[in-house]
Amino acid sequence: MSDGFYGADVAQLRHLATAMRSAGTTLQMQLSNFNAGVASTRWPGPDAEHFRQDWKSGHSRVLRDAVAFLNSAAAELGRNANEQDAASSADGLGSVWSPSGTSPGAPRPADLNGKSAAQIQAWWSGLTADQRQSLIRDYPAEAGNTNGIPFDARVEANRANAQDRIDWLNENDPEPVFNPMVMSLGYPQSFAKDHEAWEKRQSYLQKVVDGDIKLAAYDPGKNSIVEMIGDFDSGTTTAVTYVPGTLTNEASFYGGGPQEVPHRLEQSDQTGGTVVFVYKGTEFPDGDPAEAFLIEAKSDEFVADKSPVLRDFQAAVDLEKPSSSRTAAMGHSWGFRLIAGSENDGARYDKVIALSGAAMPPGWTADPESAYSSFTYPDILLTAERSGVVGENYPMKEPAFDKHAYAPPGGMDQLDMYSMENHSLIATTDAGNEEALEDVLEEIRRR
């Protein structure tokens, strides 16, 4: 054995990497179960609210950090095993490694720490093609979710992340199997519903793996999924960041609901110059409906905690877009509130569009260089805003917004003021929303 090298059993390294990865996925599953339990347990009162805030701000983050550590350590061990195999092939010394455990110039997650998107972009441009592929192969979680890494590389990495997710789900949440011994009258319908949900999940993730769906971000441990619709390249003339509303979660993407309007935006551009990022890059108000609507969606602290993540994502979009292209942010319901929060944090968009938008967070002011517009039907949110129940400043009140109000399909009714259907309609491609949607498209196209 040469001086300066230390032997290591490659098989044992890979075994340890597998064990750590398995522990990370198990802990992630437990964290998801805990999150669901905390959100859905009926427990009213100040003690319950205090516990939920402690869980979200402290305990759950500790577990997420533990998951991230285990996954990172597993990737590091796997990479070291690969490097030793390569060294063995090159010099015939057997499985050896240097005291640093790295080969010269190999990119590592530590290289990304503490860097802005612009610094990451500059760092990436200095890598060789082999080094870039090494990062994507060995650290897909980091490569697929780090702002400043080009979006085509992120999409490639997230294909691997989707395959890892499929493998984990197959082991921990496999296909439901019908049990003929269950005699409950509602069981067949319940089973059919569960199986349909499983099929949608598997189909969506497999399309990501196959390259039919492009994910610009995918990190289930951080409640993050961002789908990219269209091409983001030198021909891009309009880059839209579309933020869906309250109750949006990863499963929402499986059914295609959040992508309805974005697909229409991209397809309506005959030049092929529009790309749309369907953004859910962090936790949304998506637990128990009562908590989601009445607590999280109204909370100034909740949106202030999430909006910097959108700001940083938008910084990556701004870095990569052609200099002559325009940006637009479009948000439905709470999704618009998140966009306004990102403006508080320093994000800037050429156009800002609210679809039945929730109130802006405290401290928001209109950017004089941005064009603002609001589109809505009479609905329960607008009634609550006008009654002072939620928010002090909202798009249909704020003077900076061009305002567009529409009569619901079938004409006005007094009950429309309390309609959830109208609130959802504005963010769909339903025939009844065609007039409003055409106006939205015209606003996007207007220079």
Foldseek 3Di string as FASTA:
>chain_A
DDPQKDADDLVVLLVLLVVLLLVLLVLLVVLVVVVQCLQPDDDDDDVSVVVSVCCVVPVSVVSLVSSVVSNLSSLLSNVLSVVQVVVCVVPVPHRIAGPVSDDPPQDGPVVQPPDALCRLLVVVVPDDPVNLVNCLVSPLQCQLARQNNDQVSNLSSVLVVLVVVVVSCCVVPNQDDDDPVDDDPCVVVVNVVSNVLVVLSVVVSVCSNVVVWTWSHDDVSFQWTKTKDADAAQLAAEEEEEEEAFQDGPSVVSVPQLCFLVVVLQVVPPSSRYMYIHTDGGDALRHPVCCSPVPQLQDLVNLLVPLVSVLSNVVSVVVRHPPNHFYEYEYAASRLQSVQSVVVVPHDGQEYEYELYFAHRPPGDDDPNHQAEYEFEQEQRVLCQVVVNGYDGHQVRDPRYHYHYDAFPPGDDPCRNHHPCRSSVSSHPDPRNVVVSVVVSVVSPDD
